[in-house]
Amino acid sequence: LHDAGVFGFKAFLSPSGVDEFPHLSPAELEAAATEIAGFGGLL
């Protein structure tokens, strides 16, 4: 997605209000941040 041109990645730490966009747990936030940092992205 980063390579396809999005400007960064939105995450919720609590329920978003819509079922198709669930929030990240603390462990998942850490994993997302590590992954995004690896390719120089923005969270």
PDB file of all heavy atoms in Angstrom:
ATOM      1  N   LEU A   1       0.835  -1.211   0.000  1.00  0.00           N
ATOM      2  CA  LEU A   1       0.000   0.000   0.000  1.00  0.00           C
ATOM      3  C   LEU A   1       0.865   1.256   0.000  1.00  0.00           C
ATOM      4  O   LEU A   1       0.571   2.226  -0.697  1.00  0.00           O
ATOM      5  CB  LEU A   1      -0.898   0.000   1.237  1.00  0.00           C
ATOM      6  CG  LEU A   1      -2.364  -0.400   1.087  1.00  0.00           C
ATOM      7  CD1 LEU A   1      -3.053  -0.365   2.439  1.00  0.00           C
ATOM      8  CD2 LEU A   1      -3.091   0.503   0.103  1.00  0.00           C
ATOM      9  N   HIS A   2       1.932   1.228   0.782  1.00  0.00           N
ATOM     10  CA  HIS A   2       2.879   2.341   0.792  1.00  0.00           C
ATOM     11  C   HIS A   2       3.449   2.559  -0.604  1.00  0.00           C
ATOM     12  O   HIS A   2       3.502   3.688  -1.102  1.00  0.00           O
ATOM     13  CB  HIS A   2       3.992   2.027   1.793  1.00  0.00           C
ATOM     14  CG  HIS A   2       5.173   2.922   1.722  1.00  0.00           C
ATOM     15  ND1 HIS A   2       5.185   4.206   2.224  1.00  0.00           N
ATOM     16  CD2 HIS A   2       6.411   2.729   1.204  1.00  0.00           C
ATOM     17  CE1 HIS A   2       6.360   4.747   2.016  1.00  0.00           C
ATOM     18  NE2 HIS A   2       7.130   3.884   1.396  1.00  0.00           N
ATOM     19  N   ASP A   3       3.857   1.479  -1.246  1.00  0.00           N
ATOM     20  CA  ASP A   3       4.430   1.583  -2.590  1.00  0.00           C
ATOM     21  C   ASP A   3       3.404   2.056  -3.611  1.00  0.00           C
ATOM     22  O   ASP A   3       3.766   2.655  -4.627  1.00  0.00           O
ATOM     23  CB  ASP A   3       5.011   0.231  -3.017  1.00  0.00           C
ATOM     24  CG  ASP A   3       6.221  -0.182  -2.189  1.00  0.00           C
ATOM     25  OD1 ASP A   3       6.809   0.697  -1.518  1.00  0.00           O
ATOM     26  OD2 ASP A   3       6.568  -1.381  -2.195  1.00  0.00           O
ATOM     27  N   ALA A   4       2.122   1.784  -3.341  1.00  0.00           N
ATOM     28  CA  ALA A   4       1.060   2.204  -4.254  1.00  0.00           C
ATOM     29  C   ALA A   4       0.696   3.678  -4.082  1.00  0.00           C
ATOM     30  O   ALA A   4      -0.110   4.193  -4.863  1.00  0.00           O
ATOM     31  CB  ALA A   4      -0.180   1.336  -4.049  1.00  0.00           C
ATOM     32  N   GLY A   5       1.266   4.350  -3.069  1.00  0.00           N
ATOM     33  CA  GLY A   5       1.116   5.791  -3.008  1.00  0.00           C
ATOM     34  C   GLY A   5       0.263   6.351  -1.900  1.00  0.00           C
ATOM     35  O   GLY A   5      -0.032   7.557  -1.919  1.00  0.00           O
ATOM     36  N   VAL A   6      -0.138   5.544  -0.891  1.00  0.00           N
ATOM     37  CA  VAL A   6      -0.852   6.157   0.233  1.00  0.00           C
ATOM     38  C   VAL A   6       0.121   7.020   1.021  1.00  0.00           C
ATOM     39  O   VAL A   6       1.339   6.804   1.009  1.00  0.00           O
ATOM     40  CB  VAL A   6      -1.505   5.095   1.146  1.00  0.00           C
ATOM     41  CG1 VAL A   6      -2.542   4.293   0.393  1.00  0.00           C
ATOM     42  CG2 VAL A   6      -0.471   4.189   1.808  1.00  0.00           C
ATOM     43  N   PHE A   7      -0.413   8.002   1.718  1.00  0.00           N
ATOM     44  CA  PHE A   7       0.426   8.955   2.433  1.00  0.00           C
ATOM     45  C   PHE A   7       0.812   8.474   3.828  1.00  0.00           C
ATOM     46  O   PHE A   7       1.625   9.113   4.493  1.00  0.00           O
ATOM     47  CB  PHE A   7      -0.276  10.307   2.510  1.00  0.00           C
ATOM     48  CG  PHE A   7      -0.227  11.050   1.204  1.00  0.00           C
ATOM     49  CD1 PHE A   7      -1.226  10.881   0.255  1.00  0.00           C
ATOM     50  CD2 PHE A   7       0.828  11.885   0.903  1.00  0.00           C
ATOM     51  CE1 PHE A   7      -1.167  11.543  -0.963  1.00  0.00           C
ATOM     52  CE2 PHE A   7       0.896  12.551  -0.310  1.00  0.00           C
ATOM     53  CZ  PHE A   7      -0.102  12.379  -1.248  1.00  0.00           C
ATOM     54  N   GLY A   8       0.250   7.382   4.264  1.00  0.00           N
ATOM     55  CA  GLY A   8       0.544   6.836   5.571  1.00  0.00           C
ATOM     56  C   GLY A   8      -0.573   5.901   5.969  1.00  0.00           C
ATOM     57  O   GLY A   8      -1.451   5.561   5.157  1.00  0.00           O
ATOM     58  N   PHE A   9      -0.570   5.474   7.245  1.00  0.00           N
ATOM     59  CA  PHE A   9      -1.468   4.428   7.704  1.00  0.00           C
ATOM     60  C   PHE A   9      -2.181   4.867   8.969  1.00  0.00           C
ATOM     61  O   PHE A   9      -1.547   5.191   9.976  1.00  0.00           O
ATOM     62  CB  PHE A   9      -0.683   3.140   7.968  1.00  0.00           C
ATOM     63  CG  PHE A   9      -0.070   2.583   6.717  1.00  0.00           C
ATOM     64  CD1 PHE A   9       1.185   3.011   6.308  1.00  0.00           C
ATOM     65  CD2 PHE A   9      -0.750   1.683   5.927  1.00  0.00           C
ATOM     66  CE1 PHE A   9       1.751   2.533   5.137  1.00  0.00           C
ATOM     67  CE2 PHE A   9      -0.200   1.207   4.751  1.00  0.00           C
ATOM     68  CZ  PHE A   9       1.049   1.627   4.348  1.00  0.00           C
ATOM     69  N   LYS A  10      -3.516   4.839   8.901  1.00  0.00           N
ATOM     70  CA  LYS A  10      -4.320   5.197  10.065  1.00  0.00           C
ATOM     71  C   LYS A  10      -4.616   3.953  10.883  1.00  0.00           C
ATOM     72  O   LYS A  10      -4.983   2.902  10.348  1.00  0.00           O
ATOM     73  CB  LYS A  10      -5.630   5.854   9.656  1.00  0.00           C
ATOM     74  CG  LYS A  10      -6.464   6.273  10.866  1.00  0.00           C
ATOM     75  CD  LYS A  10      -7.708   7.040  10.486  1.00  0.00           C
ATOM     76  CE  LYS A  10      -8.413   7.547  11.747  1.00  0.00           C
ATOM     77  NZ  LYS A  10      -9.602   8.356  11.416  1.00  0.00           N
ATOM     78  N   ALA A  11      -4.498   4.103  12.204  1.00  0.00           N
ATOM     79  CA  ALA A  11      -4.849   3.043  13.128  1.00  0.00           C
ATOM     80  C   ALA A  11      -5.701   3.614  14.244  1.00  0.00           C
ATOM     81  O   ALA A  11      -5.531   4.764  14.650  1.00  0.00           O
ATOM     82  CB  ALA A  11      -3.594   2.395  13.700  1.00  0.00           C
ATOM     83  N   PHE A  12      -6.606   2.798  14.751  1.00  0.00           N
ATOM     84  CA  PHE A  12      -7.391   3.113  15.935  1.00  0.00           C
ATOM     85  C   PHE A  12      -6.849   2.304  17.103  1.00  0.00           C
ATOM     86  O   PHE A  12      -6.507   1.125  16.942  1.00  0.00           O
ATOM     87  CB  PHE A  12      -8.863   2.747  15.725  1.00  0.00           C
ATOM     88  CG  PHE A  12      -9.676   3.784  15.014  1.00  0.00           C
ATOM     89  CD1 PHE A  12      -9.556   3.956  13.643  1.00  0.00           C
ATOM     90  CD2 PHE A  12     -10.577   4.575  15.702  1.00  0.00           C
ATOM     91  CE1 PHE A  12     -10.309   4.901  12.977  1.00  0.00           C
ATOM     92  CE2 PHE A  12     -11.333   5.528  15.047  1.00  0.00           C
ATOM     93  CZ  PHE A  12     -11.203   5.701  13.676  1.00  0.00           C
ATOM     94  N   LEU A  13      -6.828   2.904  18.276  1.00  0.00           N
ATOM     95  CA  LEU A  13      -6.469   2.186  19.493  1.00  0.00           C
ATOM     96  C   LEU A  13      -7.691   1.769  20.287  1.00  0.00           C
ATOM     97  O   LEU A  13      -7.568   1.040  21.276  1.00  0.00           O
ATOM     98  CB  LEU A  13      -5.547   3.051  20.370  1.00  0.00           C
ATOM     99  CG  LEU A  13      -4.258   3.537  19.704  1.00  0.00           C
ATOM    100  CD1 LEU A  13      -3.326   4.138  20.747  1.00  0.00           C
ATOM    101  CD2 LEU A  13      -3.565   2.431  18.932  1.00  0.00           C
ATOM    102  N   SER A  14      -8.876   2.207  19.847  1.00  0.00           N
ATOM    103  CA  SER A  14     -10.156   1.823  20.445  1.00  0.00           C
ATOM    104  C   SER A  14     -11.123   1.576  19.298  1.00  0.00           C
ATOM    105  O   SER A  14     -10.834   1.923  18.144  1.00  0.00           O
ATOM    106  CB  SER A  14     -10.661   2.941  21.362  1.00  0.00           C
ATOM    107  OG  SER A  14     -10.761   4.162  20.652  1.00  0.00           O
ATOM    108  N   PRO A  15     -12.274   0.962  19.552  1.00  0.00           N
ATOM    109  CA  PRO A  15     -13.200   0.644  18.454  1.00  0.00           C
ATOM    110  C   PRO A  15     -13.523   1.868  17.599  1.00  0.00           C
ATOM    111  O   PRO A  15     -13.808   2.959  18.105  1.00  0.00           O
ATOM    112  CB  PRO A  15     -14.431   0.110  19.181  1.00  0.00           C
ATOM    113  CG  PRO A  15     -13.868  -0.507  20.422  1.00  0.00           C
ATOM    114  CD  PRO A  15     -12.748   0.404  20.837  1.00  0.00           C
ATOM    115  N   SER A  16     -13.497   1.651  16.279  1.00  0.00           N
ATOM    116  CA  SER A  16     -13.668   2.751  15.327  1.00  0.00           C
ATOM    117  C   SER A  16     -15.119   3.147  15.121  1.00  0.00           C
ATOM    118  O   SER A  16     -15.399   4.230  14.600  1.00  0.00           O
ATOM    119  CB  SER A  16     -13.067   2.361  13.976  1.00  0.00           C
ATOM    120  OG  SER A  16     -13.865   1.365  13.349  1.00  0.00           O
ATOM    121  N   GLY A  17     -16.045   2.242  15.449  1.00  0.00           N
ATOM    122  CA  GLY A  17     -17.450   2.485  15.193  1.00  0.00           C
ATOM    123  C   GLY A  17     -17.982   1.749  13.989  1.00  0.00           C
ATOM    124  O   GLY A  17     -19.197   1.684  13.789  1.00  0.00           O
ATOM    125  N   VAL A  18     -17.076   1.186  13.162  1.00  0.00           N
ATOM    126  CA  VAL A  18     -17.503   0.376  12.017  1.00  0.00           C
ATOM    127  C   VAL A  18     -16.762  -0.961  12.080  1.00  0.00           C
ATOM    128  O   VAL A  18     -15.562  -1.009  12.342  1.00  0.00           O
ATOM    129  CB  VAL A  18     -17.250   1.085  10.672  1.00  0.00           C
ATOM    130  CG1 VAL A  18     -18.165   2.296  10.525  1.00  0.00           C
ATOM    131  CG2 VAL A  18     -15.803   1.509  10.511  1.00  0.00           C
ATOM    132  N   ASP A  19     -17.488  -2.034  11.842  1.00  0.00           N
ATOM    133  CA  ASP A  19     -16.943  -3.379  12.047  1.00  0.00           C
ATOM    134  C   ASP A  19     -15.788  -3.704  11.110  1.00  0.00           C
ATOM    135  O   ASP A  19     -14.897  -4.484  11.469  1.00  0.00           O
ATOM    136  CB  ASP A  19     -18.043  -4.423  11.867  1.00  0.00           C
ATOM    137  CG  ASP A  19     -19.098  -4.356  12.959  1.00  0.00           C
ATOM    138  OD1 ASP A  19     -18.804  -3.774  14.029  1.00  0.00           O
ATOM    139  OD2 ASP A  19     -20.217  -4.860  12.734  1.00  0.00           O
ATOM    140  N   GLU A  20     -15.797  -3.125   9.901  1.00  0.00           N
ATOM    141  CA  GLU A  20     -14.780  -3.497   8.909  1.00  0.00           C
ATOM    142  C   GLU A  20     -13.436  -2.819   9.159  1.00  0.00           C
ATOM    143  O   GLU A  20     -12.473  -3.071   8.423  1.00  0.00           O
ATOM    144  CB  GLU A  20     -15.278  -3.198   7.494  1.00  0.00           C
ATOM    145  CG  GLU A  20     -15.472  -1.736   7.172  1.00  0.00           C
ATOM    146  CD  GLU A  20     -16.815  -1.170   7.597  1.00  0.00           C
ATOM    147  OE1 GLU A  20     -17.623  -1.917   8.212  1.00  0.00           O
ATOM    148  OE2 GLU A  20     -17.052   0.025   7.313  1.00  0.00           O
ATOM    149  N   PHE A  21     -13.346  -1.979  10.192  1.00  0.00           N
ATOM    150  CA  PHE A  21     -12.080  -1.319  10.506  1.00  0.00           C
ATOM    151  C   PHE A  21     -11.798  -1.479  12.001  1.00  0.00           C
ATOM    152  O   PHE A  21     -11.932  -0.544  12.791  1.00  0.00           O
ATOM    153  CB  PHE A  21     -12.118   0.163  10.127  1.00  0.00           C
ATOM    154  CG  PHE A  21     -10.755   0.768   9.894  1.00  0.00           C
ATOM    155  CD1 PHE A  21     -10.235   0.878   8.613  1.00  0.00           C
ATOM    156  CD2 PHE A  21      -9.982   1.219  10.958  1.00  0.00           C
ATOM    157  CE1 PHE A  21      -8.979   1.430   8.391  1.00  0.00           C
ATOM    158  CE2 PHE A  21      -8.729   1.779  10.760  1.00  0.00           C
ATOM    159  CZ  PHE A  21      -8.228   1.877   9.471  1.00  0.00           C
ATOM    160  N   PRO A  22     -11.387  -2.699  12.425  1.00  0.00           N
ATOM    161  CA  PRO A  22     -11.144  -2.936  13.854  1.00  0.00           C
ATOM    162  C   PRO A  22      -9.892  -2.233  14.352  1.00  0.00           C
ATOM    163  O   PRO A  22      -8.988  -1.899  13.582  1.00  0.00           O
ATOM    164  CB  PRO A  22     -11.005  -4.457  13.938  1.00  0.00           C
ATOM    165  CG  PRO A  22     -10.622  -4.895  12.574  1.00  0.00           C
ATOM    166  CD  PRO A  22     -11.242  -3.917  11.617  1.00  0.00           C
ATOM    167  N   HIS A  23      -9.845  -2.047  15.667  1.00  0.00           N
ATOM    168  CA  HIS A  23      -8.711  -1.340  16.275  1.00  0.00           C
ATOM    169  C   HIS A  23      -7.568  -2.306  16.548  1.00  0.00           C
ATOM    170  O   HIS A  23      -7.720  -3.530  16.507  1.00  0.00           O
ATOM    171  CB  HIS A  23      -9.144  -0.631  17.549  1.00  0.00           C
ATOM    172  CG  HIS A  23      -9.528  -1.533  18.681  1.00  0.00           C
ATOM    173  ND1 HIS A  23     -10.709  -2.246  18.702  1.00  0.00           N
ATOM    174  CD2 HIS A  23      -8.889  -1.840  19.833  1.00  0.00           C
ATOM    175  CE1 HIS A  23     -10.787  -2.938  19.818  1.00  0.00           C
ATOM    176  NE2 HIS A  23      -9.693  -2.724  20.531  1.00  0.00           N
ATOM    177  N   LEU A  24      -6.405  -1.719  16.825  1.00  0.00           N
ATOM    178  CA  LEU A  24      -5.211  -2.498  17.119  1.00  0.00           C
ATOM    179  C   LEU A  24      -5.040  -2.645  18.628  1.00  0.00           C
ATOM    180  O   LEU A  24      -5.203  -1.674  19.382  1.00  0.00           O
ATOM    181  CB  LEU A  24      -3.963  -1.814  16.547  1.00  0.00           C
ATOM    182  CG  LEU A  24      -3.912  -1.582  15.037  1.00  0.00           C
ATOM    183  CD1 LEU A  24      -2.576  -0.929  14.661  1.00  0.00           C
ATOM    184  CD2 LEU A  24      -4.111  -2.872  14.258  1.00  0.00           C
ATOM    185  N   SER A  25      -4.681  -3.845  19.060  1.00  0.00           N
ATOM    186  CA  SER A  25      -4.293  -4.071  20.451  1.00  0.00           C
ATOM    187  C   SER A  25      -2.914  -3.458  20.677  1.00  0.00           C
ATOM    188  O   SER A  25      -2.214  -3.087  19.718  1.00  0.00           O
ATOM    189  CB  SER A  25      -4.235  -5.564  20.737  1.00  0.00           C
ATOM    190  OG  SER A  25      -3.136  -6.154  20.029  1.00  0.00           O
ATOM    191  N   PRO A  26      -2.466  -3.328  21.930  1.00  0.00           N
ATOM    192  CA  PRO A  26      -1.109  -2.815  22.164  1.00  0.00           C
ATOM    193  C   PRO A  26      -0.040  -3.600  21.420  1.00  0.00           C
ATOM    194  O   PRO A  26       0.889  -2.999  20.847  1.00  0.00           O
ATOM    195  CB  PRO A  26      -0.963  -2.924  23.683  1.00  0.00           C
ATOM    196  CG  PRO A  26      -2.352  -2.740  24.206  1.00  0.00           C
ATOM    197  CD  PRO A  26      -3.227  -3.449  23.202  1.00  0.00           C
ATOM    198  N   ALA A  27      -0.141  -4.922  21.393  1.00  0.00           N
ATOM    199  CA  ALA A  27       0.855  -5.724  20.673  1.00  0.00           C
ATOM    200  C   ALA A  27       0.781  -5.478  19.176  1.00  0.00           C
ATOM    201  O   ALA A  27       1.812  -5.413  18.483  1.00  0.00           O
ATOM    202  CB  ALA A  27       0.664  -7.206  20.978  1.00  0.00           C
ATOM    203  N   GLU A  28      -0.440  -5.324  18.647  1.00  0.00           N
ATOM    204  CA  GLU A  28      -0.600  -5.065  17.216  1.00  0.00           C
ATOM    205  C   GLU A  28      -0.111  -3.671  16.850  1.00  0.00           C
ATOM    206  O   GLU A  28       0.449  -3.473  15.760  1.00  0.00           O
ATOM    207  CB  GLU A  28      -2.057  -5.259  16.818  1.00  0.00           C
ATOM    208  CG  GLU A  28      -2.490  -6.720  16.851  1.00  0.00           C
ATOM    209  CD  GLU A  28      -3.996  -6.899  16.840  1.00  0.00           C
ATOM    210  OE1 GLU A  28      -4.733  -5.951  17.206  1.00  0.00           O
ATOM    211  OE2 GLU A  28      -4.447  -8.004  16.482  1.00  0.00           O
ATOM    212  N   LEU A  29      -0.305  -2.697  17.735  1.00  0.00           N
ATOM    213  CA  LEU A  29       0.238  -1.360  17.495  1.00  0.00           C
ATOM    214  C   LEU A  29       1.755  -1.422  17.383  1.00  0.00           C
ATOM    215  O   LEU A  29       2.347  -0.810  16.487  1.00  0.00           O
ATOM    216  CB  LEU A  29      -0.176  -0.405  18.615  1.00  0.00           C
ATOM    217  CG  LEU A  29       0.452   0.993  18.564  1.00  0.00           C
ATOM    218  CD1 LEU A  29      -0.027   1.766  17.336  1.00  0.00           C
ATOM    219  CD2 LEU A  29       0.147   1.766  19.846  1.00  0.00           C
ATOM    220  N   GLU A  30       2.385  -2.151  18.276  1.00  0.00           N
ATOM    221  CA  GLU A  30       3.842  -2.300  18.235  1.00  0.00           C
ATOM    222  C   GLU A  30       4.280  -2.937  16.920  1.00  0.00           C
ATOM    223  O   GLU A  30       5.247  -2.504  16.289  1.00  0.00           O
ATOM    224  CB  GLU A  30       4.303  -3.154  19.416  1.00  0.00           C
ATOM    225  CG  GLU A  30       5.797  -3.259  19.557  1.00  0.00           C
ATOM    226  CD  GLU A  30       6.370  -2.275  20.575  1.00  0.00           C
ATOM    227  OE1 GLU A  30       5.608  -1.732  21.380  1.00  0.00           O
ATOM    228  OE2 GLU A  30       7.594  -2.061  20.541  1.00  0.00           O
ATOM    229  N   ALA A  31       3.545  -3.972  16.503  1.00  0.00           N
ATOM    230  CA  ALA A  31       3.894  -4.649  15.255  1.00  0.00           C
ATOM    231  C   ALA A  31       3.720  -3.719  14.058  1.00  0.00           C
ATOM    232  O   ALA A  31       4.564  -3.684  13.151  1.00  0.00           O
ATOM    233  CB  ALA A  31       3.035  -5.906  15.088  1.00  0.00           C
ATOM    234  N   ALA A  32       2.623  -2.968  14.037  1.00  0.00           N
ATOM    235  CA  ALA A  32       2.392  -2.034  12.931  1.00  0.00           C
ATOM    236  C   ALA A  32       3.477  -0.967  12.893  1.00  0.00           C
ATOM    237  O   ALA A  32       4.007  -0.635  11.820  1.00  0.00           O
ATOM    238  CB  ALA A  32       1.023  -1.383  13.077  1.00  0.00           C
ATOM    239  N   ALA A  33       3.834  -0.428  14.054  1.00  0.00           N
ATOM    240  CA  ALA A  33       4.856   0.621  14.104  1.00  0.00           C
ATOM    241  C   ALA A  33       6.203   0.095  13.631  1.00  0.00           C
ATOM    242  O   ALA A  33       6.925   0.780  12.880  1.00  0.00           O
ATOM    243  CB  ALA A  33       4.968   1.162  15.530  1.00  0.00           C
ATOM    244  N   THR A  34       6.545  -1.107  14.044  1.00  0.00           N
ATOM    245  CA  THR A  34       7.818  -1.702  13.611  1.00  0.00           C
ATOM    246  C   THR A  34       7.839  -1.890  12.103  1.00  0.00           C
ATOM    247  O   THR A  34       8.834  -1.575  11.429  1.00  0.00           O
ATOM    248  CB  THR A  34       8.032  -3.044  14.326  1.00  0.00           C
ATOM    249  OG1 THR A  34       8.046  -2.830  15.741  1.00  0.00           O
ATOM    250  CG2 THR A  34       9.341  -3.685  13.894  1.00  0.00           C
ATOM    251  N   GLU A  35       6.734  -2.383  11.566  1.00  0.00           N
ATOM    252  CA  GLU A  35       6.643  -2.610  10.119  1.00  0.00           C
ATOM    253  C   GLU A  35       6.715  -1.293   9.354  1.00  0.00           C
ATOM    254  O   GLU A  35       7.461  -1.169   8.369  1.00  0.00           O
ATOM    255  CB  GLU A  35       5.332  -3.332   9.808  1.00  0.00           C
ATOM    256  CG  GLU A  35       5.131  -3.666   8.341  1.00  0.00           C
ATOM    257  CD  GLU A  35       3.812  -4.383   8.070  1.00  0.00           C
ATOM    258  OE1 GLU A  35       3.077  -4.687   9.041  1.00  0.00           O
ATOM    259  OE2 GLU A  35       3.510  -4.621   6.885  1.00  0.00           O
ATOM    260  N   ILE A  36       5.969  -0.281   9.779  1.00  0.00           N
ATOM    261  CA  ILE A  36       5.934   0.996   9.080  1.00  0.00           C
ATOM    262  C   ILE A  36       7.279   1.700   9.168  1.00  0.00           C
ATOM    263  O   ILE A  36       7.758   2.292   8.192  1.00  0.00           O
ATOM    264  CB  ILE A  36       4.788   1.855   9.633  1.00  0.00           C
ATOM    265  CG1 ILE A  36       3.440   1.217   9.283  1.00  0.00           C
ATOM    266  CG2 ILE A  36       4.850   3.280   9.084  1.00  0.00           C
ATOM    267  CD1 ILE A  36       2.253   1.799  10.041  1.00  0.00           C
ATOM    268  N   ALA A  37       7.912   1.620  10.330  1.00  0.00           N
ATOM    269  CA  ALA A  37       9.245   2.220  10.468  1.00  0.00           C
ATOM    270  C   ALA A  37      10.237   1.561   9.527  1.00  0.00           C
ATOM    271  O   ALA A  37      11.152   2.222   9.005  1.00  0.00           O
ATOM    272  CB  ALA A  37       9.731   2.096  11.915  1.00  0.00           C
ATOM    273  N   GLY A  38      10.053   0.281   9.268  1.00  0.00           N
ATOM    274  CA  GLY A  38      10.989  -0.459   8.416  1.00  0.00           C
ATOM    275  C   GLY A  38      11.036   0.048   6.991  1.00  0.00           C
ATOM    276  O   GLY A  38      12.085  -0.053   6.335  1.00  0.00           O
ATOM    277  N   PHE A  39       9.927   0.585   6.487  1.00  0.00           N
ATOM    278  CA  PHE A  39       9.963   1.125   5.120  1.00  0.00           C
ATOM    279  C   PHE A  39       9.823   2.646   5.093  1.00  0.00           C
ATOM    280  O   PHE A  39       9.559   3.244   4.050  1.00  0.00           O
ATOM    281  CB  PHE A  39       8.922   0.450   4.205  1.00  0.00           C
ATOM    282  CG  PHE A  39       7.497   0.468   4.689  1.00  0.00           C
ATOM    283  CD1 PHE A  39       6.735   1.633   4.648  1.00  0.00           C
ATOM    284  CD2 PHE A  39       6.886  -0.699   5.148  1.00  0.00           C
ATOM    285  CE1 PHE A  39       5.415   1.636   5.060  1.00  0.00           C
ATOM    286  CE2 PHE A  39       5.564  -0.704   5.565  1.00  0.00           C
ATOM    287  CZ  PHE A  39       4.822   0.469   5.521  1.00  0.00           C
ATOM    288  N   GLY A  40      10.013   3.282   6.243  1.00  0.00           N
ATOM    289  CA  GLY A  40      10.010   4.746   6.287  1.00  0.00           C
ATOM    290  C   GLY A  40       8.654   5.367   6.153  1.00  0.00           C
ATOM    291  O   GLY A  40       8.526   6.470   5.606  1.00  0.00           O
ATOM    292  N   GLY A  41       7.625   4.699   6.643  1.00  0.00           N
ATOM    293  CA  GLY A  41       6.266   5.203   6.508  1.00  0.00           C
ATOM    294  C   GLY A  41       5.826   6.073   7.668  1.00  0.00           C
ATOM    295  O   GLY A  41       6.594   6.387   8.578  1.00  0.00           O
ATOM    296  N   LEU A  42       4.574   6.438   7.644  1.00  0.00           N
ATOM    297  CA  LEU A  42       3.967   7.336   8.616  1.00  0.00           C
ATOM    298  C   LEU A  42       2.750   6.654   9.226  1.00  0.00           C
ATOM    299  O   LEU A  42       1.891   6.124   8.517  1.00  0.00           O
ATOM    300  CB  LEU A  42       3.553   8.640   7.925  1.00  0.00           C
ATOM    301  CG  LEU A  42       2.685   9.631   8.705  1.00  0.00           C
ATOM    302  CD1 LEU A  42       3.401  10.119   9.955  1.00  0.00           C
ATOM    303  CD2 LEU A  42       2.306  10.808   7.808  1.00  0.00           C
ATOM    304  N   LEU A  43       2.667   6.678  10.561  1.00  0.00           N
ATOM    305  CA  LEU A  43       1.549   6.116  11.310  1.00  0.00           C
ATOM    306  C   LEU A  43       0.723   7.261  11.876  1.00  0.00           C
ATOM    307  O   LEU A  43       1.261   8.127  12.575  1.00  0.00           O
ATOM    308  CB  LEU A  43       2.080   5.226  12.438  1.00  0.00           C
ATOM    309  CG  LEU A  43       1.066   4.633  13.419  1.00  0.00           C
ATOM    310  CD1 LEU A  43       0.142   3.642  12.723  1.00  0.00           C
ATOM    311  CD2 LEU A  43       1.797   3.962  14.593  1.00  0.00           C
TER     312      LEU A  43
END
